[in-house]
C-alpha atoms as a PDB file:
ATOM      1  CA  UNK A   1      97.526  93.916  88.661  1.00  0.00           C
ATOM      2  CA  UNK A   2      97.000  96.266  86.052  1.00  0.00           C
ATOM      3  CA  UNK A   3      97.932  95.096  82.420  1.00  0.00           C
ATOM      4  CA  UNK A   4     100.521  97.694  80.633  1.00  0.00           C
ATOM      5  CA  UNK A   5      99.158  99.456  77.378  1.00  0.00           C
ATOM      6  CA  UNK A   6     100.033  98.486  73.951  1.00  0.00           C
ATOM      7  CA  UNK A   7     102.499 101.492  72.888  1.00  0.00           C
ATOM      8  CA  UNK A   8     104.364  99.323  70.070  1.00  0.00           C
ATOM      9  CA  UNK A   9     102.110  98.194  67.248  1.00  0.00           C
ATOM     10  CA  UNK A  10     103.399  95.840  63.977  1.00  0.00           C
ATOM     11  CA  UNK A  11     102.358  94.075  60.928  1.00  0.00           C
ATOM     12  CA  UNK A  12     103.801  90.954  59.600  1.00  0.00           C
ATOM     13  CA  UNK A  13     102.731  88.541  56.873  1.00  0.00           C
ATOM     14  CA  UNK A  14     103.381  84.823  56.479  1.00  0.00           C
ATOM     15  CA  UNK A  15     103.175  82.459  53.742  1.00  0.00           C
ATOM     16  CA  UNK A  16     102.134  78.585  54.089  1.00  0.00           C
ATOM     17  CA  UNK A  17     101.417  75.526  51.547  1.00  0.00           C
ATOM     18  CA  UNK A  18      98.632  73.764  50.479  1.00  0.00           C
ATOM     19  CA  UNK A  19      98.746  71.268  47.612  1.00  0.00           C
ATOM     20  CA  UNK A  20     101.538  73.355  45.841  1.00  0.00           C
ATOM     21  CA  UNK A  21      99.053  76.705  46.389  1.00  0.00           C
ATOM     22  CA  UNK A  22     101.365  79.541  48.411  1.00  0.00           C
ATOM     23  CA  UNK A  23      98.785  80.829  50.768  1.00  0.00           C
ATOM     24  CA  UNK A  24      99.349  84.443  52.724  1.00  0.00           C
ATOM     25  CA  UNK A  25      98.083  85.764  55.530  1.00  0.00           C
ATOM     26  CA  UNK A  26      98.280  89.317  57.525  1.00  0.00           C
ATOM     27  CA  UNK A  27      98.201  89.954  60.732  1.00  0.00           C
ATOM     28  CA  UNK A  28      99.186  93.002  63.126  1.00  0.00           C
ATOM     29  CA  UNK A  29     100.085  92.627  67.260  1.00  0.00           C
ATOM     30  CA  UNK A  30     100.108  95.503  70.138  1.00  0.00           C
ATOM     31  CA  UNK A  31     103.148  95.361  72.647  1.00  0.00           C
ATOM     32  CA  UNK A  32     103.380  97.251  75.530  1.00  0.00           C
ATOM     33  CA  UNK A  33     107.625  96.204  75.839  1.00  0.00           C
ATOM     34  CA  UNK A  34     109.349  97.400  72.481  1.00  0.00           C
ATOM     35  CA  UNK A  35     108.524  98.007  68.882  1.00  0.00           C
ATOM     36  CA  UNK A  36     110.828  94.735  68.342  1.00  0.00           C
ATOM     37  CA  UNK A  37     108.314  92.639  70.287  1.00  0.00           C
ATOM     38  CA  UNK A  38     105.804  93.448  69.017  1.00  0.00           C
ATOM     39  CA  UNK A  39     106.764  92.526  65.503  1.00  0.00           C
ATOM     40  CA  UNK A  40     107.417  89.067  66.911  1.00  0.00           C
ATOM     41  CA  UNK A  41     103.968  89.162  68.275  1.00  0.00           C
ATOM     42  CA  UNK A  42     102.786  89.912  64.818  1.00  0.00           C
ATOM     43  CA  UNK A  43     105.087  87.882  62.936  1.00  0.00           C
ATOM     44  CA  UNK A  44     104.117  84.296  64.969  1.00  0.00           C
ATOM     45  CA  UNK A  45     100.101  85.599  64.663  1.00  0.00           C
ATOM     46  CA  UNK A  46     100.146  85.703  60.728  1.00  0.00           C
ATOM     47  CA  UNK A  47     102.100  82.502  60.927  1.00  0.00           C
ATOM     48  CA  UNK A  48      99.338  80.783  62.656  1.00  0.00           C
ATOM     49  CA  UNK A  49      96.696  82.564  60.589  1.00  0.00           C
ATOM     50  CA  UNK A  50      98.670  80.916  57.426  1.00  0.00           C
ATOM     51  CA  UNK A  51      98.659  77.466  58.741  1.00  0.00           C
ATOM     52  CA  UNK A  52      95.500  77.825  59.648  1.00  0.00           C
ATOM     53  CA  UNK A  53      94.073  79.100  56.121  1.00  0.00           C
ATOM     54  CA  UNK A  54      96.326  76.046  54.904  1.00  0.00           C
ATOM     55  CA  UNK A  55      94.459  73.473  56.788  1.00  0.00           C
ATOM     56  CA  UNK A  56      91.024  75.014  56.116  1.00  0.00           C
ATOM     57  CA  UNK A  57      90.510  76.025  59.682  1.00  0.00           C
ATOM     58  CA  UNK A  58      88.284  78.822  60.599  1.00  0.00           C
ATOM     59  CA  UNK A  59      89.589  80.912  63.850  1.00  0.00           C
ATOM     60  CA  UNK A  60      87.128  81.117  66.475  1.00  0.00           C
ATOM     61  CA  UNK A  61      84.956  83.768  67.817  1.00  0.00           C
ATOM     62  CA  UNK A  62      85.429  85.904  70.246  1.00  0.00           C
ATOM     63  CA  UNK A  63      82.777  86.166  73.356  1.00  0.00           C
ATOM     64  CA  UNK A  64      81.310  89.821  72.696  1.00  0.00           C
ATOM     65  CA  UNK A  65      82.881  90.231  69.391  1.00  0.00           C
ATOM     66  CA  UNK A  66      82.789  88.806  65.808  1.00  0.00           C
ATOM     67  CA  UNK A  67      86.940  88.452  66.017  1.00  0.00           C
ATOM     68  CA  UNK A  68      89.374  86.358  67.775  1.00  0.00           C
ATOM     69  CA  UNK A  69      92.269  88.861  69.453  1.00  0.00           C
ATOM     70  CA  UNK A  70      94.812  89.051  66.684  1.00  0.00           C
ATOM     71  CA  UNK A  71      91.835  90.730  64.040  1.00  0.00           C
ATOM     72  CA  UNK A  72      90.559  93.163  66.498  1.00  0.00           C
ATOM     73  CA  UNK A  73      94.309  94.940  67.359  1.00  0.00           C
ATOM     74  CA  UNK A  74      94.000  98.438  65.694  1.00  0.00           C
ATOM     75  CA  UNK A  75      96.966  99.881  64.179  1.00  0.00           C
ATOM     76  CA  UNK A  76      96.573 103.562  64.144  1.00  0.00           C
ATOM     77  CA  UNK A  77      98.743 106.396  63.644  1.00  0.00           C
ATOM     78  CA  UNK A  78      99.721 107.746  66.970  1.00  0.00           C
ATOM     79  CA  UNK A  79      99.210 111.588  66.724  1.00  0.00           C
ATOM     80  CA  UNK A  80      99.596 112.696  70.408  1.00  0.00           C
ATOM     81  CA  UNK A  81     100.599 111.141  73.794  1.00  0.00           C
ATOM     82  CA  UNK A  82      99.193 112.723  76.856  1.00  0.00           C
ATOM     83  CA  UNK A  83     101.378 112.580  80.153  1.00  0.00           C
ATOM     84  CA  UNK A  84     101.531 113.486  83.548  1.00  0.00           C
ATOM     85  CA  UNK A  85     104.451 114.981  84.951  1.00  0.00           C
ATOM     86  CA  UNK A  86     106.103 112.678  88.180  1.00  0.00           C
ATOM     87  CA  UNK A  87     108.615 114.349  89.943  1.00  0.00           C
ATOM     88  CA  UNK A  88     111.834 112.926  90.418  1.00  0.00           C
ATOM     89  CA  UNK A  89     110.719 110.147  87.964  1.00  0.00           C
ATOM     90  CA  UNK A  90     110.073 109.750  84.207  1.00  0.00           C
ATOM     91  CA  UNK A  91     106.262 111.069  82.717  1.00  0.00           C
ATOM     92  CA  UNK A  92     103.378 108.492  82.990  1.00  0.00           C
ATOM     93  CA  UNK A  93     101.547 108.443  79.581  1.00  0.00           C
ATOM     94  CA  UNK A  94      97.939 108.236  80.163  1.00  0.00           C
ATOM     95  CA  UNK A  95      96.645 107.994  77.031  1.00  0.00           C
ATOM     96  CA  UNK A  96      97.457 108.001  73.099  1.00  0.00           C
ATOM     97  CA  UNK A  97      95.580 110.020  70.503  1.00  0.00           C
ATOM     98  CA  UNK A  98      94.932 108.291  67.493  1.00  0.00           C
ATOM     99  CA  UNK A  99      93.393 108.919  63.869  1.00  0.00           C
ATOM    100  CA  UNK A 100      91.151 106.195  62.615  1.00  0.00           C
ATOM    101  CA  UNK A 101      90.026 104.704  59.302  1.00  0.00           C
ATOM    102  CA  UNK A 102      87.859 107.856  58.344  1.00  0.00           C
ATOM    103  CA  UNK A 103      90.237 109.798  59.626  1.00  0.00           C
ATOM    104  CA  UNK A 104      88.565 111.113  63.213  1.00  0.00           C
ATOM    105  CA  UNK A 105      91.319 111.525  65.930  1.00  0.00           C
ATOM    106  CA  UNK A 106      89.924 108.770  68.763  1.00  0.00           C
ATOM    107  CA  UNK A 107      91.293 109.306  72.648  1.00  0.00           C
ATOM    108  CA  UNK A 108      92.609 105.821  73.561  1.00  0.00           C
ATOM    109  CA  UNK A 109      92.531 105.995  77.652  1.00  0.00           C
ATOM    110  CA  UNK A 110      94.730 103.017  79.014  1.00  0.00           C
ATOM    111  CA  UNK A 111      92.811 103.923  82.816  1.00  0.00           C
ATOM    112  CA  UNK A 112      90.200 106.080  82.593  1.00  0.00           C
ATOM    113  CA  UNK A 113      86.972 105.002  81.557  1.00  0.00           C
ATOM    114  CA  UNK A 114      84.531 106.137  79.230  1.00  0.00           C
ATOM    115  CA  UNK A 115      81.381 104.112  77.855  1.00  0.00           C
ATOM    116  CA  UNK A 116      79.521 104.837  74.701  1.00  0.00           C
ATOM    117  CA  UNK A 117      75.841 103.663  73.918  1.00  0.00           C
ATOM    118  CA  UNK A 118      73.943 104.255  71.107  1.00  0.00           C
ATOM    119  CA  UNK A 119      70.521 104.676  72.037  1.00  0.00           C
ATOM    120  CA  UNK A 120      69.233 105.651  68.405  1.00  0.00           C
ATOM    121  CA  UNK A 121      70.411 104.088  65.232  1.00  0.00           C
ATOM    122  CA  UNK A 122      72.938 105.522  63.274  1.00  0.00           C
ATOM    123  CA  UNK A 123      72.373 105.087  59.435  1.00  0.00           C
ATOM    124  CA  UNK A 124      75.748 106.120  58.665  1.00  0.00           C
ATOM    125  CA  UNK A 125      77.471 102.860  60.725  1.00  0.00           C
ATOM    126  CA  UNK A 126      77.234  99.078  59.660  1.00  0.00           C
ATOM    127  CA  UNK A 127      73.398  99.310  60.411  1.00  0.00           C
ATOM    128  CA  UNK A 128      73.994  96.511  63.109  1.00  0.00           C
ATOM    129  CA  UNK A 129      74.841  98.152  66.167  1.00  0.00           C
ATOM    130  CA  UNK A 130      73.321  97.289  69.685  1.00  0.00           C
ATOM    131  CA  UNK A 131      70.816 100.245  70.506  1.00  0.00           C
ATOM    132  CA  UNK A 132      69.195 101.006  73.772  1.00  0.00           C
ATOM    133  CA  UNK A 133      66.166 103.095  74.729  1.00  0.00           C
ATOM    134  CA  UNK A 134      67.405 106.156  76.304  1.00  0.00           C
ATOM    135  CA  UNK A 135      64.979 106.062  79.345  1.00  0.00           C
ATOM    136  CA  UNK A 136      66.661 102.351  79.702  1.00  0.00           C
ATOM    137  CA  UNK A 137      70.210 103.651  79.644  1.00  0.00           C
ATOM    138  CA  UNK A 138      69.470 106.559  82.293  1.00  0.00           C
ATOM    139  CA  UNK A 139      68.304 103.958  84.709  1.00  0.00           C
ATOM    140  CA  UNK A 140      70.902 101.943  84.376  1.00  0.00           C
ATOM    141  CA  UNK A 141      73.480 104.749  85.256  1.00  0.00           C
ATOM    142  CA  UNK A 142      71.479 105.715  88.364  1.00  0.00           C
ATOM    143  CA  UNK A 143      71.135 101.878  89.111  1.00  0.00           C
ATOM    144  CA  UNK A 144      74.574 101.506  89.395  1.00  0.00           C
ATOM    145  CA  UNK A 145      75.369 104.574  91.111  1.00  0.00           C
ATOM    146  CA  UNK A 146      72.827 103.638  93.679  1.00  0.00           C
ATOM    147  CA  UNK A 147      74.513 100.121  94.011  1.00  0.00           C
ATOM    148  CA  UNK A 148      78.330 101.827  94.113  1.00  0.00           C
ATOM    149  CA  UNK A 149      78.098 105.058  95.543  1.00  0.00           C
ATOM    150  CA  UNK A 150      82.033 105.424  95.709  1.00  0.00           C
ATOM    151  CA  UNK A 151      81.199 105.667  91.357  1.00  0.00           C
ATOM    152  CA  UNK A 152      80.075 109.086  89.568  1.00  0.00           C
ATOM    153  CA  UNK A 153      80.207 109.590  86.145  1.00  0.00           C
ATOM    154  CA  UNK A 154      79.843 112.654  83.870  1.00  0.00           C
ATOM    155  CA  UNK A 155      77.358 111.814  81.372  1.00  0.00           C
ATOM    156  CA  UNK A 156      77.606 113.615  77.508  1.00  0.00           C
ATOM    157  CA  UNK A 157      75.267 113.699  74.810  1.00  0.00           C
ATOM    158  CA  UNK A 158      76.818 112.722  71.546  1.00  0.00           C
ATOM    159  CA  UNK A 159      75.468 112.546  67.837  1.00  0.00           C
ATOM    160  CA  UNK A 160      74.186 108.533  68.657  1.00  0.00           C
ATOM    161  CA  UNK A 161      73.315 108.519  72.392  1.00  0.00           C
ATOM    162  CA  UNK A 162      75.165 109.076  75.679  1.00  0.00           C
ATOM    163  CA  UNK A 163      78.811 108.863  76.533  1.00  0.00           C
ATOM    164  CA  UNK A 164      79.735 108.369  80.126  1.00  0.00           C
ATOM    165  CA  UNK A 165      83.287 109.543  81.885  1.00  0.00           C
ATOM    166  CA  UNK A 166      83.628 107.828  85.485  1.00  0.00           C
ATOM    167  CA  UNK A 167      85.446 110.755  87.569  1.00  0.00           C
ATOM    168  CA  UNK A 168      85.697 108.425  90.673  1.00  0.00           C
ATOM    169  CA  UNK A 169      88.588 106.368  90.379  1.00  0.00           C
ATOM    170  CA  UNK A 170      91.134 104.491  87.379  1.00  0.00           C
ATOM    171  CA  UNK A 171      90.429 100.793  86.030  1.00  0.00           C
ATOM    172  CA  UNK A 172      91.750  98.335  84.509  1.00  0.00           C
ATOM    173  CA  UNK A 173      90.475  97.680  81.195  1.00  0.00           C
ATOM    174  CA  UNK A 174      90.823  94.306  80.856  1.00  0.00           C
ATOM    175  CA  UNK A 175      89.496  93.241  84.408  1.00  0.00           C
ATOM    176  CA  UNK A 176      86.313  91.705  85.350  1.00  0.00           C
ATOM    177  CA  UNK A 177      85.299  95.066  87.271  1.00  0.00           C
ATOM    178  CA  UNK A 178      85.265  96.795  83.876  1.00  0.00           C
ATOM    179  CA  UNK A 179      83.753  94.347  82.090  1.00  0.00           C
ATOM    180  CA  UNK A 180      80.861  94.196  84.657  1.00  0.00           C
ATOM    181  CA  UNK A 181      80.490  97.942  85.032  1.00  0.00           C
ATOM    182  CA  UNK A 182      80.433  97.841  80.824  1.00  0.00           C
ATOM    183  CA  UNK A 183      77.844  95.097  80.886  1.00  0.00           C
ATOM    184  CA  UNK A 184      75.959  96.834  83.067  1.00  0.00           C
ATOM    185  CA  UNK A 185      75.648 100.188  81.709  1.00  0.00           C
ATOM    186  CA  UNK A 186      74.579  98.359  78.510  1.00  0.00           C
ATOM    187  CA  UNK A 187      77.721  99.164  76.808  1.00  0.00           C
ATOM    188  CA  UNK A 188      77.815  97.776  73.032  1.00  0.00           C
ATOM    189  CA  UNK A 189      79.518  94.620  73.311  1.00  0.00           C
ATOM    190  CA  UNK A 190      81.741  94.947  70.633  1.00  0.00           C
ATOM    191  CA  UNK A 191      83.152  98.248  72.656  1.00  0.00           C
ATOM    192  CA  UNK A 192      83.450  96.679  75.338  1.00  0.00           C
ATOM    193  CA  UNK A 193      85.423  93.666  73.787  1.00  0.00           C
ATOM    194  CA  UNK A 194      87.664  96.242  71.922  1.00  0.00           C
ATOM    195  CA  UNK A 195      88.236  97.829  75.436  1.00  0.00           C
ATOM    196  CA  UNK A 196      89.848  94.247  76.293  1.00  0.00           C
ATOM    197  CA  UNK A 197      91.405  93.491  73.127  1.00  0.00           C
ATOM    198  CA  UNK A 198      93.268  96.655  73.308  1.00  0.00           C
ATOM    199  CA  UNK A 199      93.637  97.363  76.549  1.00  0.00           C
ATOM    200  CA  UNK A 200      92.208 100.770  76.873  1.00  0.00           C
ATOM    201  CA  UNK A 201      88.921 103.125  76.496  1.00  0.00           C
ATOM    202  CA  UNK A 202      87.979 104.735  73.685  1.00  0.00           C
ATOM    203  CA  UNK A 203      86.578 108.041  72.940  1.00  0.00           C
ATOM    204  CA  UNK A 204      86.295 109.608  69.712  1.00  0.00           C
ATOM    205  CA  UNK A 205      87.353 113.442  69.543  1.00  0.00           C
ATOM    206  CA  UNK A 206      86.686 114.667  66.611  1.00  0.00           C
ATOM    207  CA  UNK A 207      83.476 114.945  64.114  1.00  0.00           C
ATOM    208  CA  UNK A 208      82.774 112.178  61.746  1.00  0.00           C
ATOM    209  CA  UNK A 209      83.106 114.540  58.614  1.00  0.00           C
ATOM    210  CA  UNK A 210      79.909 112.931  56.897  1.00  0.00           C
ATOM    211  CA  UNK A 211      77.902 114.302  59.482  1.00  0.00           C
ATOM    212  CA  UNK A 212      79.353 118.043  59.054  1.00  0.00           C
ATOM    213  CA  UNK A 213      77.252 119.075  56.166  1.00  0.00           C
ATOM    214  CA  UNK A 214      76.318 122.811  56.358  1.00  0.00           C
ATOM    215  CA  UNK A 215      74.379 124.860  53.605  1.00  0.00           C
ATOM    216  CA  UNK A 216      75.373 128.567  53.322  1.00  0.00           C
ATOM    217  CA  UNK A 217      72.488 130.990  53.932  1.00  0.00           C
ATOM    218  CA  UNK A 218      71.101 132.384  51.151  1.00  0.00           C
ATOM    219  CA  UNK A 219      72.419 136.297  50.093  1.00  0.00           C
ATOM    220  CA  UNK A 220      69.297 138.846  51.359  1.00  0.00           C
ATOM    221  CA  UNK A 221      67.002 139.630  49.022  1.00  0.00           C
ATOM    222  CA  UNK A 222      68.011 143.249  47.689  1.00  0.00           C
ATOM    223  CA  UNK A 223      71.509 141.279  46.638  1.00  0.00           C
ATOM    224  CA  UNK A 224      69.326 139.247  44.349  1.00  0.00           C
ATOM    225  CA  UNK A 225      69.554 139.468  40.607  1.00  0.00           C
ATOM    226  CA  UNK A 226      66.088 141.088  38.918  1.00  0.00           C
ATOM    227  CA  UNK A 227      65.656 139.980  35.580  1.00  0.00           C
ATOM    228  CA  UNK A 228      63.791 136.906  34.964  1.00  0.00           C
ATOM    229  CA  UNK A 229      66.683 135.152  33.445  1.00  0.00           C
ATOM    230  CA  UNK A 230      68.963 136.404  36.137  1.00  0.00           C
ATOM    231  CA  UNK A 231      67.187 135.171  38.550  1.00  0.00           C
ATOM    232  CA  UNK A 232      66.367 131.931  37.245  1.00  0.00           C
ATOM    233  CA  UNK A 233      70.039 131.508  36.821  1.00  0.00           C
ATOM    234  CA  UNK A 234      70.912 132.674  40.503  1.00  0.00           C
ATOM    235  CA  UNK A 235      67.642 129.774  41.293  1.00  0.00           C
ATOM    236  CA  UNK A 236      70.457 127.213  39.601  1.00  0.00           C
ATOM    237  CA  UNK A 237      73.223 128.379  41.787  1.00  0.00           C
ATOM    238  CA  UNK A 238      71.914 128.165  45.320  1.00  0.00           C
ATOM    239  CA  UNK A 239      74.306 127.684  48.007  1.00  0.00           C
ATOM    240  CA  UNK A 240      75.154 123.844  48.460  1.00  0.00           C
ATOM    241  CA  UNK A 241      76.006 122.005  51.479  1.00  0.00           C
ATOM    242  CA  UNK A 242      79.401 121.937  52.447  1.00  0.00           C
ATOM    243  CA  UNK A 243      81.594 120.155  55.003  1.00  0.00           C
ATOM    244  CA  UNK A 244      82.406 121.966  57.551  1.00  0.00           C
ATOM    245  CA  UNK A 245      83.689 120.900  60.917  1.00  0.00           C
ATOM    246  CA  UNK A 246      84.696 123.638  62.867  1.00  0.00           C
ATOM    247  CA  UNK A 247      80.446 124.325  63.275  1.00  0.00           C
ATOM    248  CA  UNK A 248      80.078 120.856  65.480  1.00  0.00           C
ATOM    249  CA  UNK A 249      81.234 119.294  68.451  1.00  0.00           C
ATOM    250  CA  UNK A 250      81.694 115.769  69.265  1.00  0.00           C
ATOM    251  CA  UNK A 251      79.853 115.542  72.279  1.00  0.00           C
ATOM    252  CA  UNK A 252      78.098 118.011  75.048  1.00  0.00           C
ATOM    253  CA  UNK A 253      77.906 118.176  78.547  1.00  0.00           C
ATOM    254  CA  UNK A 254      74.630 117.020  80.145  1.00  0.00           C
ATOM    255  CA  UNK A 255      75.419 116.453  83.819  1.00  0.00           C
ATOM    256  CA  UNK A 256      77.325 114.121  86.777  1.00  0.00           C
ATOM    257  CA  UNK A 257      75.674 111.124  88.177  1.00  0.00           C
ATOM    258  CA  UNK A 258      76.996 110.141  91.591  1.00  0.00           C
ATOM    259  CA  UNK A 259      78.467 111.625  93.796  1.00  0.00           C
ATOM    260  CA  UNK A 260      81.661 113.117  92.798  1.00  0.00           C
ATOM    261  CA  UNK A 261      84.643 113.129  94.710  1.00  0.00           C
ATOM    262  CA  UNK A 262      85.758 116.766  96.003  1.00  0.00           C
ATOM    263  CA  UNK A 263      89.304 116.316  94.044  1.00  0.00           C
ATOM    264  CA  UNK A 264      89.343 114.373  90.875  1.00  0.00           C
ATOM    265  CA  UNK A 265      92.398 111.976  90.597  1.00  0.00           C
ATOM    266  CA  UNK A 266      94.992 113.732  88.589  1.00  0.00           C
ATOM    267  CA  UNK A 267      94.656 111.062  85.609  1.00  0.00           C
ATOM    268  CA  UNK A 268      91.229 111.826  85.406  1.00  0.00           C
ATOM    269  CA  UNK A 269      91.311 115.462  85.724  1.00  0.00           C
ATOM    270  CA  UNK A 270      94.170 115.550  82.796  1.00  0.00           C
ATOM    271  CA  UNK A 271      92.237 113.336  80.244  1.00  0.00           C
ATOM    272  CA  UNK A 272      88.797 115.319  80.975  1.00  0.00           C
ATOM    273  CA  UNK A 273      89.959 118.555  80.227  1.00  0.00           C
ATOM    274  CA  UNK A 274      91.541 117.435  76.828  1.00  0.00           C
ATOM    275  CA  UNK A 275      88.669 115.261  75.727  1.00  0.00           C
ATOM    276  CA  UNK A 276      86.482 118.495  76.880  1.00  0.00           C
ATOM    277  CA  UNK A 277      88.360 120.773  74.985  1.00  0.00           C
ATOM    278  CA  UNK A 278      88.817 118.994  71.882  1.00  0.00           C
ATOM    279  CA  UNK A 279      85.064 117.481  72.064  1.00  0.00           C
ATOM    280  CA  UNK A 280      83.992 120.939  72.293  1.00  0.00           C
ATOM    281  CA  UNK A 281      81.910 119.309  75.316  1.00  0.00           C
ATOM    282  CA  UNK A 282      81.003 122.839  76.288  1.00  0.00           C
ATOM    283  CA  UNK A 283      79.828 124.269  73.615  1.00  0.00           C
ATOM    284  CA  UNK A 284      76.096 124.364  72.279  1.00  0.00           C
ATOM    285  CA  UNK A 285      77.398 123.279  68.571  1.00  0.00           C
ATOM    286  CA  UNK A 286      75.254 120.606  67.007  1.00  0.00           C
ATOM    287  CA  UNK A 287      76.441 117.664  67.317  1.00  0.00           C
ATOM    288  CA  UNK A 288      78.385 114.936  64.592  1.00  0.00           C
END
């Protein structure tokens, strides 16, 4: 049975005492039921954390990640929801677009599988990402589609590696099947953990702003000042790099690996078109 995506999120703070000292802990939680249910879960998690801190207990680590479940639930502002019209009933929500901590838009797809594989170190990140040689990553993808010929993936280049979008069928992010495929494709373990915790597949849609530096071209020679001092002053005011995200794309479509279905499932088609449009995957812009 497929799990419901967490559509509601909330924060709560709780207090516990230890030898006369008050200890506060905050937690976030998500719920597919209601905002009140999210608040209830957050409050329970905060109380558990506060009591654990008062007792001197360290929360256990989660397999494949640094933090236990409550610590990894991301509470991000929702910018947009992608829905698929359903004749005779309410539209089905397929994904939500959120804004992350550095102001990038992120696609959170509930059942459309995205896989990001880092093949090159990214000095702008924390520095401990798991990287895979590109040849090994490609071998893993081709090998998977040969072992499971019912699967096909669109492959994209990203600034730090590769992104795959499965176009064959839908997946439950918390299922063993999903976990096995992500592991087989050499996805970062923390990304795989986050998929299970968030009950969705995340794919960044917009560029990281610090990568979007662009230096305006220098003016043509005929427009430059002629005197010695004028040229000296002009050199001191040469164009400086500026941030211009419009000149960059987030990923670039490369090819489809495996045998694609004749007709894409409508859920995948809608999410794919939104992803490719916002990321500018069909352009030749530099990646950021």
